[in-house]
Amino acid sequence: MSKKTTAAITAIGGYVPEDRLTNADLEKMVDTNDEWIRTRTGIEERRILKGEGKATSDLCVPVVEEICRKRGISPEEIDCIIVATVTADMLFPSTANIVCDKVGARNAWGFDMSAACSGFVYALTSGAMYIESGRFKKVVVLGADKMSSIVDYSDRTTCIIFGDGAGGVLLEANTEGYGVLDSILRSDGSGRTHLHMKAGGSLRPSSFETVAAKEHYIYQEGQAVFKFAVKGMADVSAELMERNKLTADDISWLVPHQANKRIIDATAHRMGLSEEKVMINIQRYGNTTAGTIPLCLWDWEDKLKKGDNLVLAAFGGGFTWGATWVKWGY
């Protein structure tokens, strides 16, 4: 009897720009202070991609290069690249298409996944299905956002939160029980009014009026988003554990979307996990949207052990939310 094929993570890459935007810097820009930001978000600084002509694809390129270097493969061996992002280089073509060109993945096809902060979990689940189908051998899944391109730095409610960064993984077939083992993904479009970008799409095309009204920046109703995020991430993570008969003792690491330290703490509490089992790097990078979860994996790679059970949990605009169970394979 043949063993079930799963999609295992076989390499990780990450990239954050050199330029830092600290809480002290923000104090000079808007009416806020370091203590207020730390106590409410847990953020101390965030990275910003500067330079003319720099875009989300430029965050992705070093990630793919690192993945190829670690795995000892050529970009030409990659079958597919999926980019989870809300800050695509342009409306079309896809950022994945551009990344394929920039890294020399000449035999790959790809597409963008737009699910806001849940984007990486959505994309990872999709990529795993391609591997499980048996038709593709090497799929790269990236989470990347240049959030500084859609943040209004005169709006203190959003500019303190977001940063730029990217991370990604290589998925390959496994028959030993490692890899992406289960996912629960959710969506509720009625929540779109609470967190979105008002203009730039087909509903409100770009115009002098939309630019003047600052409708090309993130709009967020903080309290509504916070309440739904706490419940959504916690509920779906608990549901994933129950469905797979996993206890808190079985979980090696919670890899949560880095939106807010209080949301992360609430999710861990609901799962019965101690803080020692929770990956947190929001203090260094802020909220990089689709980049947060893979950047956590990148930061913690040396601490991960073969057989570790990871729960990846996310919540984002839409609303979108989800959780994925991964058994670490190396």
C-alpha atoms as a PDB file:
ATOM      1  CA  MET A   1       0.000   0.000   0.000  1.00  0.00           C
ATOM      2  CA  SER A   2       1.463   3.349  -1.029  1.00  0.00           C
ATOM      3  CA  LYS A   3       1.998   5.992   1.614  1.00  0.00           C
ATOM      4  CA  LYS A   4       0.118   9.282   1.445  1.00  0.00           C
ATOM      5  CA  THR A   5       2.011  12.112  -0.218  1.00  0.00           C
ATOM      6  CA  THR A   6       2.198  15.361   1.727  1.00  0.00           C
ATOM      7  CA  ALA A   7       3.914  18.669   0.981  1.00  0.00           C
ATOM      8  CA  ALA A   8       6.903  19.189   3.256  1.00  0.00           C
ATOM      9  CA  ILE A   9       8.776  22.425   3.828  1.00  0.00           C
ATOM     10  CA  THR A  10      12.355  21.722   2.753  1.00  0.00           C
ATOM     11  CA  ALA A  11      13.880  25.218   2.826  1.00  0.00           C
ATOM     12  CA  ILE A  12      13.120  28.679   4.213  1.00  0.00           C
ATOM     13  CA  GLY A  13      14.170  32.149   3.149  1.00  0.00           C
ATOM     14  CA  GLY A  14      13.541  35.621   4.485  1.00  0.00           C
ATOM     15  CA  TYR A  15      14.376  39.240   3.823  1.00  0.00           C
ATOM     16  CA  VAL A  16      13.855  42.550   5.591  1.00  0.00           C
ATOM     17  CA  PRO A  17      15.191  45.905   4.338  1.00  0.00           C
ATOM     18  CA  GLU A  18      18.067  47.587   6.158  1.00  0.00           C
ATOM     19  CA  ASP A  19      16.288  50.870   6.910  1.00  0.00           C
ATOM     20  CA  ARG A  20      14.541  50.974  10.280  1.00  0.00           C
ATOM     21  CA  LEU A  21      11.600  53.135  11.353  1.00  0.00           C
ATOM     22  CA  THR A  22      11.633  53.245  15.143  1.00  0.00           C
ATOM     23  CA  ASN A  23       8.994  54.387  17.588  1.00  0.00           C
ATOM     24  CA  ALA A  24      11.217  57.371  18.318  1.00  0.00           C
ATOM     25  CA  ASP A  25      11.106  58.273  14.630  1.00  0.00           C
ATOM     26  CA  LEU A  26       7.307  58.087  14.641  1.00  0.00           C
ATOM     27  CA  GLU A  27       7.132  60.388  17.662  1.00  0.00           C
ATOM     28  CA  LYS A  28       8.527  63.106  15.385  1.00  0.00           C
ATOM     29  CA  MET A  29       5.961  62.397  12.663  1.00  0.00           C
ATOM     30  CA  VAL A  30       2.630  61.939  14.466  1.00  0.00           C
ATOM     31  CA  ASP A  31       1.100  62.455  17.907  1.00  0.00           C
ATOM     32  CA  THR A  32       2.231  59.229  19.594  1.00  0.00           C
ATOM     33  CA  ASN A  33       4.956  57.925  21.884  1.00  0.00           C
ATOM     34  CA  ASP A  34       7.102  54.861  22.361  1.00  0.00           C
ATOM     35  CA  GLU A  35       5.352  53.634  25.514  1.00  0.00           C
ATOM     36  CA  TRP A  36       1.876  53.881  23.934  1.00  0.00           C
ATOM     37  CA  ILE A  37       2.966  51.913  20.853  1.00  0.00           C
ATOM     38  CA  ARG A  38       4.760  49.209  22.849  1.00  0.00           C
ATOM     39  CA  THR A  39       1.966  48.621  25.342  1.00  0.00           C
ATOM     40  CA  ARG A  40      -0.772  48.409  22.711  1.00  0.00           C
ATOM     41  CA  THR A  41       1.023  46.615  19.880  1.00  0.00           C
ATOM     42  CA  GLY A  42       4.339  45.249  21.143  1.00  0.00           C
ATOM     43  CA  ILE A  43       6.159  46.952  18.254  1.00  0.00           C
ATOM     44  CA  GLU A  44       9.499  48.719  18.734  1.00  0.00           C
ATOM     45  CA  GLU A  45      10.579  49.210  15.131  1.00  0.00           C
ATOM     46  CA  ARG A  46       9.713  48.201  11.596  1.00  0.00           C
ATOM     47  CA  ARG A  47      11.725  47.910   8.358  1.00  0.00           C
ATOM     48  CA  ILE A  48      11.104  50.137   5.327  1.00  0.00           C
ATOM     49  CA  LEU A  49      12.084  49.439   1.714  1.00  0.00           C
ATOM     50  CA  LYS A  50      13.521  52.659   0.324  1.00  0.00           C
ATOM     51  CA  GLY A  51      14.808  53.549  -3.114  1.00  0.00           C
ATOM     52  CA  GLU A  52      13.336  54.606  -6.427  1.00  0.00           C
ATOM     53  CA  GLY A  53      11.709  51.765  -8.317  1.00  0.00           C
ATOM     54  CA  LYS A  54      11.796  49.296  -5.425  1.00  0.00           C
ATOM     55  CA  ALA A  55       8.705  47.116  -5.086  1.00  0.00           C
ATOM     56  CA  THR A  56       7.371  43.956  -3.465  1.00  0.00           C
ATOM     57  CA  SER A  57       9.098  41.775  -6.060  1.00  0.00           C
ATOM     58  CA  ASP A  58      12.419  43.178  -4.826  1.00  0.00           C
ATOM     59  CA  LEU A  59      11.605  41.844  -1.360  1.00  0.00           C
ATOM     60  CA  CYS A  60      10.871  38.423  -2.880  1.00  0.00           C
ATOM     61  CA  VAL A  61      14.006  37.981  -4.975  1.00  0.00           C
ATOM     62  CA  PRO A  62      16.516  37.511  -2.105  1.00  0.00           C
ATOM     63  CA  VAL A  63      14.080  35.096  -0.441  1.00  0.00           C
ATOM     64  CA  VAL A  64      13.958  32.839  -3.505  1.00  0.00           C
ATOM     65  CA  GLU A  65      17.729  33.101  -3.897  1.00  0.00           C
ATOM     66  CA  GLU A  66      18.241  32.033  -0.271  1.00  0.00           C
ATOM     67  CA  ILE A  67      15.845  29.106  -0.674  1.00  0.00           C
ATOM     68  CA  CYS A  68      17.672  27.894  -3.787  1.00  0.00           C
ATOM     69  CA  ARG A  69      21.058  28.279  -2.111  1.00  0.00           C
ATOM     70  CA  LYS A  70      20.015  26.365   1.006  1.00  0.00           C
ATOM     71  CA  ARG A  71      18.412  23.546  -0.979  1.00  0.00           C
ATOM     72  CA  GLY A  72      21.150  23.429  -3.590  1.00  0.00           C
ATOM     73  CA  ILE A  73      18.819  23.858  -6.537  1.00  0.00           C
ATOM     74  CA  SER A  74      18.642  26.090  -9.593  1.00  0.00           C
ATOM     75  CA  PRO A  75      15.722  28.510 -10.037  1.00  0.00           C
ATOM     76  CA  GLU A  76      15.025  26.637 -13.272  1.00  0.00           C
ATOM     77  CA  GLU A  77      14.002  23.603 -11.181  1.00  0.00           C
ATOM     78  CA  ILE A  78      11.107  25.517  -9.579  1.00  0.00           C
ATOM     79  CA  ASP A  79       7.722  24.489 -10.997  1.00  0.00           C
ATOM     80  CA  CYS A  80       5.520  27.201  -9.478  1.00  0.00           C
ATOM     81  CA  ILE A  81       5.832  30.394  -7.432  1.00  0.00           C
ATOM     82  CA  ILE A  82       2.893  31.691  -5.405  1.00  0.00           C
ATOM     83  CA  VAL A  83       3.144  35.202  -3.946  1.00  0.00           C
ATOM     84  CA  ALA A  84       0.768  36.177  -1.155  1.00  0.00           C
ATOM     85  CA  THR A  85       0.579  39.975  -1.134  1.00  0.00           C
ATOM     86  CA  VAL A  86      -1.704  43.009  -1.019  1.00  0.00           C
ATOM     87  CA  THR A  87       0.987  45.324  -2.376  1.00  0.00           C
ATOM     88  CA  ALA A  88       1.569  43.860  -5.817  1.00  0.00           C
ATOM     89  CA  ASP A  89       4.097  45.680  -7.988  1.00  0.00           C
ATOM     90  CA  MET A  90       1.175  46.579 -10.263  1.00  0.00           C
ATOM     91  CA  LEU A  91      -2.403  45.450 -10.855  1.00  0.00           C
ATOM     92  CA  PHE A  92      -1.122  43.194 -13.622  1.00  0.00           C
ATOM     93  CA  PRO A  93       0.916  41.247 -14.408  1.00  0.00           C
ATOM     94  CA  SER A  94       1.178  39.366 -11.136  1.00  0.00           C
ATOM     95  CA  THR A  95       4.110  39.897  -8.799  1.00  0.00           C
ATOM     96  CA  ALA A  96       4.775  36.154  -9.078  1.00  0.00           C
ATOM     97  CA  ASN A  97       5.208  36.608 -12.822  1.00  0.00           C
ATOM     98  CA  ILE A  98       7.762  39.355 -12.202  1.00  0.00           C
ATOM     99  CA  VAL A  99       9.595  37.337  -9.535  1.00  0.00           C
ATOM    100  CA  CYS A 100       9.898  34.353 -11.889  1.00  0.00           C
ATOM    101  CA  ASP A 101      11.627  36.633 -14.387  1.00  0.00           C
ATOM    102  CA  LYS A 102      13.910  38.345 -11.866  1.00  0.00           C
ATOM    103  CA  VAL A 103      15.198  35.102 -10.310  1.00  0.00           C
ATOM    104  CA  GLY A 104      15.467  33.175 -13.567  1.00  0.00           C
ATOM    105  CA  ALA A 105      12.729  30.635 -12.826  1.00  0.00           C
ATOM    106  CA  ARG A 106      12.193  30.111 -16.543  1.00  0.00           C
ATOM    107  CA  ASN A 107      10.220  26.898 -16.209  1.00  0.00           C
ATOM    108  CA  ALA A 108       7.869  28.109 -13.487  1.00  0.00           C
ATOM    109  CA  TRP A 109       4.364  29.466 -13.661  1.00  0.00           C
ATOM    110  CA  GLY A 110       2.855  31.446 -10.824  1.00  0.00           C
ATOM    111  CA  PHE A 111       0.183  33.709  -9.469  1.00  0.00           C
ATOM    112  CA  ASP A 112      -0.584  36.125  -6.638  1.00  0.00           C
ATOM    113  CA  MET A 113      -2.792  35.286  -3.677  1.00  0.00           C
ATOM    114  CA  SER A 114      -4.740  38.215  -2.210  1.00  0.00           C
ATOM    115  CA  ALA A 115      -5.989  37.373   1.273  1.00  0.00           C
ATOM    116  CA  ALA A 116      -4.389  40.209   3.257  1.00  0.00           C
ATOM    117  CA  CYS A 117      -2.704  39.023   6.458  1.00  0.00           C
ATOM    118  CA  SER A 118      -4.041  35.482   5.951  1.00  0.00           C
ATOM    119  CA  GLY A 119      -2.357  35.351   2.561  1.00  0.00           C
ATOM    120  CA  PHE A 120       0.539  33.080   3.471  1.00  0.00           C
ATOM    121  CA  VAL A 121      -1.679  30.470   5.139  1.00  0.00           C
ATOM    122  CA  TYR A 122      -4.000  30.501   2.114  1.00  0.00           C
ATOM    123  CA  ALA A 123      -1.049  30.269  -0.301  1.00  0.00           C
ATOM    124  CA  LEU A 124       0.704  27.530   1.677  1.00  0.00           C
ATOM    125  CA  THR A 125      -2.446  25.402   1.614  1.00  0.00           C
ATOM    126  CA  SER A 126      -2.805  25.976  -2.131  1.00  0.00           C
ATOM    127  CA  GLY A 127       0.841  25.163  -2.797  1.00  0.00           C
ATOM    128  CA  ALA A 128       0.567  21.982  -0.755  1.00  0.00           C
ATOM    129  CA  MET A 129      -2.333  20.826  -2.911  1.00  0.00           C
ATOM    130  CA  TYR A 130      -0.228  21.247  -6.058  1.00  0.00           C
ATOM    131  CA  ILE A 131       2.496  19.057  -4.545  1.00  0.00           C
ATOM    132  CA  GLU A 132      -0.035  16.470  -3.345  1.00  0.00           C
ATOM    133  CA  SER A 133      -1.464  16.238  -6.866  1.00  0.00           C
ATOM    134  CA  GLY A 134       1.816  14.729  -8.028  1.00  0.00           C
ATOM    135  CA  ARG A 135       2.057  17.065 -11.003  1.00  0.00           C
ATOM    136  CA  PHE A 136       4.567  19.473  -9.457  1.00  0.00           C
ATOM    137  CA  LYS A 137       7.806  18.715  -7.613  1.00  0.00           C
ATOM    138  CA  LYS A 138       8.974  22.088  -6.318  1.00  0.00           C
ATOM    139  CA  VAL A 139       6.609  24.900  -5.332  1.00  0.00           C
ATOM    140  CA  VAL A 140       7.835  28.141  -3.738  1.00  0.00           C
ATOM    141  CA  VAL A 141       5.327  29.947  -1.519  1.00  0.00           C
ATOM    142  CA  LEU A 142       6.122  33.567  -0.632  1.00  0.00           C
ATOM    143  CA  GLY A 143       4.495  36.065   1.701  1.00  0.00           C
ATOM    144  CA  ALA A 144       5.640  39.596   0.922  1.00  0.00           C
ATOM    145  CA  ASP A 145       4.408  43.132   1.362  1.00  0.00           C
ATOM    146  CA  LYS A 146       5.776  46.625   0.939  1.00  0.00           C
ATOM    147  CA  MET A 147       3.254  48.081   3.358  1.00  0.00           C
ATOM    148  CA  SER A 148       5.014  51.450   3.390  1.00  0.00           C
ATOM    149  CA  SER A 149       3.600  51.986  -0.107  1.00  0.00           C
ATOM    150  CA  ILE A 150      -0.002  52.041   1.180  1.00  0.00           C
ATOM    151  CA  VAL A 151       0.450  53.555   4.656  1.00  0.00           C
ATOM    152  CA  ASP A 152      -0.480  57.167   5.387  1.00  0.00           C
ATOM    153  CA  TYR A 153       2.324  58.403   7.630  1.00  0.00           C
ATOM    154  CA  SER A 154       0.109  61.167   8.972  1.00  0.00           C
ATOM    155  CA  ASP A 155      -2.392  58.597  10.306  1.00  0.00           C
ATOM    156  CA  ARG A 156      -1.179  57.521  13.723  1.00  0.00           C
ATOM    157  CA  THR A 157      -3.657  54.620  13.926  1.00  0.00           C
ATOM    158  CA  THR A 158      -2.012  52.731  11.050  1.00  0.00           C
ATOM    159  CA  CYS A 159       1.514  54.071  10.526  1.00  0.00           C
ATOM    160  CA  ILE A 160       2.683  52.652  13.864  1.00  0.00           C
ATOM    161  CA  ILE A 161       1.708  49.108  12.874  1.00  0.00           C
ATOM    162  CA  PHE A 162       3.031  48.188   9.453  1.00  0.00           C
ATOM    163  CA  GLY A 163       6.448  47.393   8.011  1.00  0.00           C
ATOM    164  CA  ASP A 164       8.011  45.873   4.901  1.00  0.00           C
ATOM    165  CA  GLY A 165       9.354  42.348   4.592  1.00  0.00           C
ATOM    166  CA  ALA A 166       9.130  38.960   2.926  1.00  0.00           C
ATOM    167  CA  GLY A 167       9.577  35.298   3.698  1.00  0.00           C
ATOM    168  CA  GLY A 168       8.983  32.055   1.921  1.00  0.00           C
ATOM    169  CA  VAL A 169       9.311  28.295   1.818  1.00  0.00           C
ATOM    170  CA  LEU A 170      10.014  25.537  -0.674  1.00  0.00           C
ATOM    171  CA  LEU A 171       7.480  22.707  -0.751  1.00  0.00           C
ATOM    172  CA  GLU A 172       8.404  19.215  -1.951  1.00  0.00           C
ATOM    173  CA  ALA A 173       6.716  15.819  -1.801  1.00  0.00           C
ATOM    174  CA  ASN A 174       7.097  13.690   1.328  1.00  0.00           C
ATOM    175  CA  THR A 175       5.812  10.200   2.163  1.00  0.00           C
ATOM    176  CA  GLU A 176       7.042  10.009   5.773  1.00  0.00           C
ATOM    177  CA  GLY A 177       4.259  12.009   7.397  1.00  0.00           C
ATOM    178  CA  TYR A 178       5.948  15.416   7.444  1.00  0.00           C
ATOM    179  CA  GLY A 179       4.699  18.674   5.988  1.00  0.00           C
ATOM    180  CA  VAL A 180       1.329  20.391   5.669  1.00  0.00           C
ATOM    181  CA  LEU A 181      -1.097  17.956   7.327  1.00  0.00           C
ATOM    182  CA  ASP A 182      -4.308  19.964   7.682  1.00  0.00           C
ATOM    183  CA  SER A 183      -5.745  23.449   7.194  1.00  0.00           C
ATOM    184  CA  ILE A 184      -8.932  25.245   8.104  1.00  0.00           C
ATOM    185  CA  LEU A 185      -9.530  28.422   6.104  1.00  0.00           C
ATOM    186  CA  ARG A 186     -12.362  30.895   6.595  1.00  0.00           C
ATOM    187  CA  SER A 187     -13.713  34.005   4.866  1.00  0.00           C
ATOM    188  CA  ASP A 188     -16.431  36.545   5.630  1.00  0.00           C
ATOM    189  CA  GLY A 189     -16.705  39.341   3.075  1.00  0.00           C
ATOM    190  CA  SER A 190     -19.134  41.307   5.226  1.00  0.00           C
ATOM    191  CA  GLY A 191     -16.122  42.415   7.254  1.00  0.00           C
ATOM    192  CA  ARG A 192     -14.582  44.291   4.340  1.00  0.00           C
ATOM    193  CA  THR A 193     -15.912  47.630   5.577  1.00  0.00           C
ATOM    194  CA  HIS A 194     -13.664  47.484   8.648  1.00  0.00           C
ATOM    195  CA  LEU A 195     -10.309  46.986   6.910  1.00  0.00           C
ATOM    196  CA  HIS A 196      -9.618  47.829   3.280  1.00  0.00           C
ATOM    197  CA  MET A 197      -8.196  50.268   0.755  1.00  0.00           C
ATOM    198  CA  LYS A 198     -11.033  52.391  -0.588  1.00  0.00           C
ATOM    199  CA  ALA A 199      -9.781  53.191  -4.085  1.00  0.00           C
ATOM    200  CA  GLY A 200      -7.571  51.877  -6.854  1.00  0.00           C
ATOM    201  CA  GLY A 201      -9.739  48.954  -7.904  1.00  0.00           C
ATOM    202  CA  SER A 202     -12.618  48.693 -10.356  1.00  0.00           C
ATOM    203  CA  LEU A 203     -15.108  49.900  -7.723  1.00  0.00           C
ATOM    204  CA  ARG A 204     -13.359  53.267  -7.330  1.00  0.00           C
ATOM    205  CA  PRO A 205     -10.739  53.693 -10.062  1.00  0.00           C
ATOM    206  CA  SER A 206      -7.875  56.064  -9.394  1.00  0.00           C
ATOM    207  CA  SER A 207      -8.684  59.729  -9.953  1.00  0.00           C
ATOM    208  CA  PHE A 208      -7.640  63.152  -8.764  1.00  0.00           C
ATOM    209  CA  GLU A 209     -10.492  62.952  -6.263  1.00  0.00           C
ATOM    210  CA  THR A 210      -9.472  59.589  -4.770  1.00  0.00           C
ATOM    211  CA  VAL A 211      -5.868  60.692  -4.410  1.00  0.00           C
ATOM    212  CA  ALA A 212      -6.864  63.990  -2.773  1.00  0.00           C
ATOM    213  CA  ALA A 213      -9.131  62.106  -0.361  1.00  0.00           C
ATOM    214  CA  LYS A 214      -6.256  59.769   0.610  1.00  0.00           C
ATOM    215  CA  GLU A 215      -8.247  56.730  -0.477  1.00  0.00           C
ATOM    216  CA  HIS A 216      -5.200  54.794  -1.650  1.00  0.00           C
ATOM    217  CA  TYR A 217      -4.027  54.089   1.883  1.00  0.00           C
ATOM    218  CA  ILE A 218      -5.057  51.463   4.419  1.00  0.00           C
ATOM    219  CA  TYR A 219      -8.344  52.186   6.162  1.00  0.00           C
ATOM    220  CA  GLN A 220      -8.860  50.359   9.436  1.00  0.00           C
ATOM    221  CA  GLU A 221     -11.449  50.436  12.194  1.00  0.00           C
ATOM    222  CA  GLY A 222      -9.176  49.243  14.947  1.00  0.00           C
ATOM    223  CA  GLN A 223     -11.638  48.120  17.610  1.00  0.00           C
ATOM    224  CA  ALA A 224     -13.824  46.097  15.247  1.00  0.00           C
ATOM    225  CA  VAL A 225     -10.796  44.422  13.692  1.00  0.00           C
ATOM    226  CA  PHE A 226      -9.256  43.653  17.085  1.00  0.00           C
ATOM    227  CA  LYS A 227     -12.401  41.974  18.419  1.00  0.00           C
ATOM    228  CA  PHE A 228     -12.892  39.813  15.347  1.00  0.00           C
ATOM    229  CA  ALA A 229      -9.193  38.960  15.095  1.00  0.00           C
ATOM    230  CA  VAL A 230      -8.973  37.704  18.676  1.00  0.00           C
ATOM    231  CA  LYS A 231     -12.000  35.457  18.207  1.00  0.00           C
ATOM    232  CA  GLY A 232     -11.196  34.353  14.661  1.00  0.00           C
ATOM    233  CA  MET A 233      -7.575  33.311  15.182  1.00  0.00           C
ATOM    234  CA  ALA A 234      -8.277  31.652  18.517  1.00  0.00           C
ATOM    235  CA  ASP A 235     -11.377  29.775  17.349  1.00  0.00           C
ATOM    236  CA  VAL A 236      -9.892  28.388  14.151  1.00  0.00           C
ATOM    237  CA  SER A 237      -6.687  27.318  15.917  1.00  0.00           C
ATOM    238  CA  ALA A 238      -8.672  25.516  18.606  1.00  0.00           C
ATOM    239  CA  GLU A 239     -10.863  23.893  15.936  1.00  0.00           C
ATOM    240  CA  LEU A 240      -7.788  22.644  14.068  1.00  0.00           C
ATOM    241  CA  MET A 241      -6.413  21.094  17.253  1.00  0.00           C
ATOM    242  CA  GLU A 242      -9.720  19.442  18.131  1.00  0.00           C
ATOM    243  CA  ARG A 243     -10.194  18.047  14.624  1.00  0.00           C
ATOM    244  CA  ASN A 244      -6.771  16.408  14.737  1.00  0.00           C
ATOM    245  CA  LYS A 245      -6.930  15.428  18.424  1.00  0.00           C
ATOM    246  CA  LEU A 246      -3.947  17.624  19.248  1.00  0.00           C
ATOM    247  CA  THR A 247      -3.415  18.820  22.810  1.00  0.00           C
ATOM    248  CA  ALA A 248      -1.359  21.772  23.994  1.00  0.00           C
ATOM    249  CA  ASP A 249       1.388  19.285  24.911  1.00  0.00           C
ATOM    250  CA  ASP A 250       1.473  18.060  21.304  1.00  0.00           C
ATOM    251  CA  ILE A 251       2.096  21.549  19.907  1.00  0.00           C
ATOM    252  CA  SER A 252       5.751  22.529  19.659  1.00  0.00           C
ATOM    253  CA  TRP A 253       5.208  26.024  18.285  1.00  0.00           C
ATOM    254  CA  LEU A 254       2.418  28.476  17.568  1.00  0.00           C
ATOM    255  CA  VAL A 255       3.370  30.581  14.545  1.00  0.00           C
ATOM    256  CA  PRO A 256       0.861  33.438  14.663  1.00  0.00           C
ATOM    257  CA  HIS A 257       0.362  36.348  12.319  1.00  0.00           C
ATOM    258  CA  GLN A 258       2.179  39.283  13.909  1.00  0.00           C
ATOM    259  CA  ALA A 259      -0.645  41.812  14.005  1.00  0.00           C
ATOM    260  CA  ASN A 260      -0.663  42.799  17.636  1.00  0.00           C
ATOM    261  CA  LYS A 261       0.955  41.308  20.751  1.00  0.00           C
ATOM    262  CA  ARG A 262      -2.392  41.245  22.567  1.00  0.00           C
ATOM    263  CA  ILE A 263      -4.049  39.261  19.763  1.00  0.00           C
ATOM    264  CA  ILE A 264      -1.159  36.783  19.803  1.00  0.00           C
ATOM    265  CA  ASP A 265      -1.408  36.378  23.586  1.00  0.00           C
ATOM    266  CA  ALA A 266      -5.170  35.781  23.401  1.00  0.00           C
ATOM    267  CA  THR A 267      -4.741  33.101  20.728  1.00  0.00           C
ATOM    268  CA  ALA A 268      -2.035  31.303  22.714  1.00  0.00           C
ATOM    269  CA  HIS A 269      -4.196  31.410  25.850  1.00  0.00           C
ATOM    270  CA  ARG A 270      -7.161  29.887  24.008  1.00  0.00           C
ATOM    271  CA  MET A 271      -4.902  27.069  22.782  1.00  0.00           C
ATOM    272  CA  GLY A 272      -3.507  26.503  26.265  1.00  0.00           C
ATOM    273  CA  LEU A 273       0.044  27.323  25.173  1.00  0.00           C
ATOM    274  CA  SER A 274       2.753  28.951  27.268  1.00  0.00           C
ATOM    275  CA  GLU A 275       4.589  31.987  25.900  1.00  0.00           C
ATOM    276  CA  GLU A 276       7.709  29.845  25.427  1.00  0.00           C
ATOM    277  CA  LYS A 277       5.932  28.027  22.587  1.00  0.00           C
ATOM    278  CA  VAL A 278       4.923  31.174  20.700  1.00  0.00           C
ATOM    279  CA  MET A 279       6.993  32.749  17.930  1.00  0.00           C
ATOM    280  CA  ILE A 280       6.975  36.537  18.315  1.00  0.00           C
ATOM    281  CA  ASN A 281       9.088  38.978  16.299  1.00  0.00           C
ATOM    282  CA  ILE A 282       6.584  41.819  15.942  1.00  0.00           C
ATOM    283  CA  GLN A 283       8.845  44.003  18.085  1.00  0.00           C
ATOM    284  CA  ARG A 284      11.475  44.014  15.308  1.00  0.00           C
ATOM    285  CA  TYR A 285       9.445  44.028  12.097  1.00  0.00           C
ATOM    286  CA  GLY A 286       5.945  45.248  12.943  1.00  0.00           C
ATOM    287  CA  ASN A 287       3.093  43.842  10.857  1.00  0.00           C
ATOM    288  CA  THR A 288       4.414  42.871   7.423  1.00  0.00           C
ATOM    289  CA  THR A 289       0.978  41.476   6.443  1.00  0.00           C
ATOM    290  CA  ALA A 290       1.576  38.319   4.351  1.00  0.00           C
ATOM    291  CA  GLY A 291       5.224  38.306   5.397  1.00  0.00           C
ATOM    292  CA  THR A 292       4.796  37.770   9.134  1.00  0.00           C
ATOM    293  CA  ILE A 293       4.433  33.983   9.370  1.00  0.00           C
ATOM    294  CA  PRO A 294       7.262  33.021   6.987  1.00  0.00           C
ATOM    295  CA  LEU A 295       9.514  35.610   8.662  1.00  0.00           C
ATOM    296  CA  CYS A 296       8.833  33.884  11.991  1.00  0.00           C
ATOM    297  CA  LEU A 297       9.808  30.526  10.478  1.00  0.00           C
ATOM    298  CA  TRP A 298      12.947  32.162   9.080  1.00  0.00           C
ATOM    299  CA  ASP A 299      13.916  33.645  12.442  1.00  0.00           C
ATOM    300  CA  TRP A 300      13.231  30.401  14.335  1.00  0.00           C
ATOM    301  CA  GLU A 301      14.623  27.914  11.788  1.00  0.00           C
ATOM    302  CA  ASP A 302      17.600  26.957  13.954  1.00  0.00           C
ATOM    303  CA  LYS A 303      15.284  26.118  16.867  1.00  0.00           C
ATOM    304  CA  LEU A 304      12.969  23.861  14.874  1.00  0.00           C
ATOM    305  CA  LYS A 305      13.443  20.097  15.180  1.00  0.00           C
ATOM    306  CA  LYS A 306      12.331  17.266  12.936  1.00  0.00           C
ATOM    307  CA  GLY A 307       8.884  16.111  14.044  1.00  0.00           C
ATOM    308  CA  ASP A 308       7.881  19.403  15.685  1.00  0.00           C
ATOM    309  CA  ASN A 309       4.175  20.180  15.407  1.00  0.00           C
ATOM    310  CA  LEU A 310       3.527  23.761  14.295  1.00  0.00           C
ATOM    311  CA  VAL A 311       0.218  25.592  14.143  1.00  0.00           C
ATOM    312  CA  LEU A 312       0.276  28.552  11.761  1.00  0.00           C
ATOM    313  CA  ALA A 313      -2.580  30.951  12.519  1.00  0.00           C
ATOM    314  CA  ALA A 314      -3.610  34.145  10.757  1.00  0.00           C
ATOM    315  CA  PHE A 315      -6.319  36.755  10.466  1.00  0.00           C
ATOM    316  CA  GLY A 316      -6.666  39.484   7.857  1.00  0.00           C
ATOM    317  CA  GLY A 317      -8.822  41.940   5.985  1.00  0.00           C
ATOM    318  CA  GLY A 318     -11.919  40.586   4.300  1.00  0.00           C
ATOM    319  CA  PHE A 319     -12.309  39.202   6.816  1.00  0.00           C
ATOM    320  CA  THR A 320     -10.088  36.193   6.174  1.00  0.00           C
ATOM    321  CA  TRP A 321      -8.642  33.827   8.737  1.00  0.00           C
ATOM    322  CA  GLY A 322      -7.246  30.341   9.025  1.00  0.00           C
ATOM    323  CA  ALA A 323      -4.911  27.858  10.685  1.00  0.00           C
ATOM    324  CA  THR A 324      -2.571  25.195   9.309  1.00  0.00           C
ATOM    325  CA  TRP A 325      -0.931  22.200  10.988  1.00  0.00           C
ATOM    326  CA  VAL A 326       2.619  21.537   9.817  1.00  0.00           C
ATOM    327  CA  LYS A 327       4.870  18.702  11.002  1.00  0.00           C
ATOM    328  CA  TRP A 328       8.446  19.861  10.580  1.00  0.00           C
ATOM    329  CA  GLY A 329      10.543  17.636   8.350  1.00  0.00           C
ATOM    330  CA  TYR A 330      14.170  18.560   9.062  1.00  0.00           C
END
